[in-house]
Protein backbone atom coordinates (compact mmCIF):
# COMPACT_ATOMS: atom_id res chain seq x y z
CA MET A 1 -0.14 -0.16 -0.14
CA LEU A 2 1.07 3.11 -0.99
CA ARG A 3 1.69 5.84 1.74
CA GLN A 4 0.23 9.23 1.17
CA LEU A 5 2.51 12.10 1.18
CA THR A 6 1.60 14.93 3.64
CA ASN A 7 1.52 18.74 2.57
CA LYS A 8 4.88 19.52 4.19
CA GLN A 9 6.36 16.48 2.08
CA LYS A 10 4.69 17.88 -1.32
CA ARG A 11 5.76 21.40 -0.55
CA ALA A 12 9.28 20.03 0.07
CA ILE A 13 9.24 18.39 -3.01
CA PHE A 14 8.14 21.49 -4.78
CA LEU A 15 10.75 23.84 -3.06
CA LYS A 16 13.39 21.01 -4.26
CA GLU A 17 12.29 21.14 -7.65
CA ARG A 18 12.10 25.09 -8.41
CA ALA A 19 15.64 25.26 -6.29
CA LEU A 20 17.08 22.82 -8.86
CA GLU A 21 15.66 24.40 -11.66
CA MET A 22 16.55 28.09 -10.38
CA VAL A 23 20.33 26.88 -9.95
CA GLN A 24 20.70 24.91 -13.05
CA LYS A 25 19.57 27.89 -15.25
CA GLN A 26 21.16 30.66 -13.11
CA GLY A 27 24.11 29.09 -11.28
CA SER A 28 27.63 29.74 -11.65
CA THR A 29 30.33 27.09 -10.30
CA LEU A 30 31.88 27.34 -7.12
CA GLN A 31 35.01 25.20 -5.59
CA MET A 32 33.71 23.90 -2.45
CA PRO A 33 36.43 22.26 -0.59
CA ASP A 34 34.74 19.02 1.00
CA CYS A 35 32.66 18.06 -2.39
CA GLY A 36 34.30 19.46 -5.40
CA ILE A 37 32.35 21.55 -8.01
CA ALA A 38 28.81 22.91 -6.98
CA LEU A 39 26.23 24.97 -8.61
CA GLU A 40 25.90 28.32 -6.24
CA CYS A 41 22.50 30.65 -7.17
CA ALA A 42 23.06 33.67 -4.92
CA ARG A 43 20.52 36.56 -4.15
CA PRO A 44 20.49 39.25 -1.88
CA SER A 45 17.52 37.50 0.25
CA PHE A 46 18.76 33.46 -0.29
CA ARG A 47 21.50 31.50 -1.31
CA ILE A 48 21.09 27.83 -3.16
CA PHE A 49 24.05 25.24 -3.22
CA TYR A 50 23.60 22.24 -5.53
CA VAL A 51 26.11 19.27 -5.62
CA ASP A 52 25.72 16.53 -8.14
CA PRO A 53 27.61 13.06 -7.87
CA GLU A 54 27.83 12.83 -11.67
CA ASN A 55 30.38 15.80 -11.49
CA VAL A 56 33.76 14.13 -12.38
CA GLU A 57 35.18 16.70 -9.54
CA ASN A 58 33.01 15.31 -6.86
CA VAL A 59 35.96 14.32 -4.29
CA SER A 60 33.56 12.87 -1.63
CA GLY A 61 32.46 9.79 -3.54
CA ASP A 62 29.09 10.43 -2.15
CA LYS A 63 26.40 9.28 -4.51
CA TYR A 64 23.46 11.38 -3.40
CA HIS A 65 22.43 14.65 -5.08
CA HIS A 66 22.72 17.43 -2.46
CA LEU A 67 20.63 20.87 -2.54
CA ASP A 68 20.81 23.71 0.63
CA ILE A 69 18.83 26.80 0.82
CA TYR A 70 19.85 29.71 3.18
CA ALA A 71 17.86 32.63 3.58
CA VAL A 72 18.21 35.54 5.44
CA GLY A 73 17.62 35.36 9.31
CA ARG A 74 15.32 37.43 11.21
CA GLY A 75 15.82 39.42 13.74
CA LYS A 76 19.54 39.24 15.78
CA ARG A 77 20.47 36.86 12.65
CA GLU A 78 19.10 39.57 9.99
CA ALA A 79 22.36 39.83 8.46
CA LYS A 80 23.07 36.17 8.76
CA ARG A 81 22.21 33.48 6.13
CA VAL A 82 20.43 30.44 7.99
CA LYS A 83 20.02 27.04 6.53
CA VAL A 84 16.17 26.75 6.16
CA PHE A 85 16.05 23.96 3.30
CA SER A 86 18.17 20.85 2.86
CA THR A 87 17.71 17.48 0.50
CA ARG A 88 19.38 14.91 -0.58
CA TRP A 89 18.34 12.05 -3.14
CA GLU A 90 19.66 9.19 -5.37
CA SER A 91 19.28 9.46 -9.06
CA GLY A 92 15.59 8.37 -9.66
CA ALA A 93 14.38 8.33 -6.24
CA ALA A 94 12.45 10.36 -3.80
CA PRO A 95 14.27 13.26 -2.08
CA GLU A 96 15.19 12.95 1.69
CA VAL A 97 14.51 16.03 3.58
CA ILE A 98 16.93 16.65 5.97
CA THR A 99 16.04 20.31 6.82
CA PHE A 100 13.08 22.12 6.41
CA GLN A 101 11.94 25.48 8.30
CA ARG A 102 8.64 26.70 6.86
CA GLY A 103 8.88 30.56 6.44
CA PRO A 104 8.61 33.50 4.25
CA TRP A 105 11.32 32.35 2.33
CA GLU A 106 9.55 29.98 0.68
CA GLU A 107 7.25 32.66 -1.42
CA LEU A 108 10.62 33.39 -3.34
CA PHE A 109 10.29 30.21 -5.09
CA LEU A 110 6.57 30.97 -6.20
CA SER A 111 7.21 33.68 -9.11
């Protein structure tokens, strides 16, 4: 029997797809010490990092795709970016959500 996805899981999958699309279209390459070449899409209110395991520069040997979103914090952490979304997945498999802090940052991925 298949398990129904919760609204939060559906939202997480939607955000992952939108962020992945954005970083692949508008991102630039970035050398990251622990995982080789990544794609980064930086905006004033958020930053996306994506690591593809198929990248020949992948030095970690990790088989997962990784996608992280950092958003501008609120209050005391206003100037600091906070990780609000983190997911990983193997090619052809459903994503595993590691971090998902709901908030206004999600609206940035609707347009």
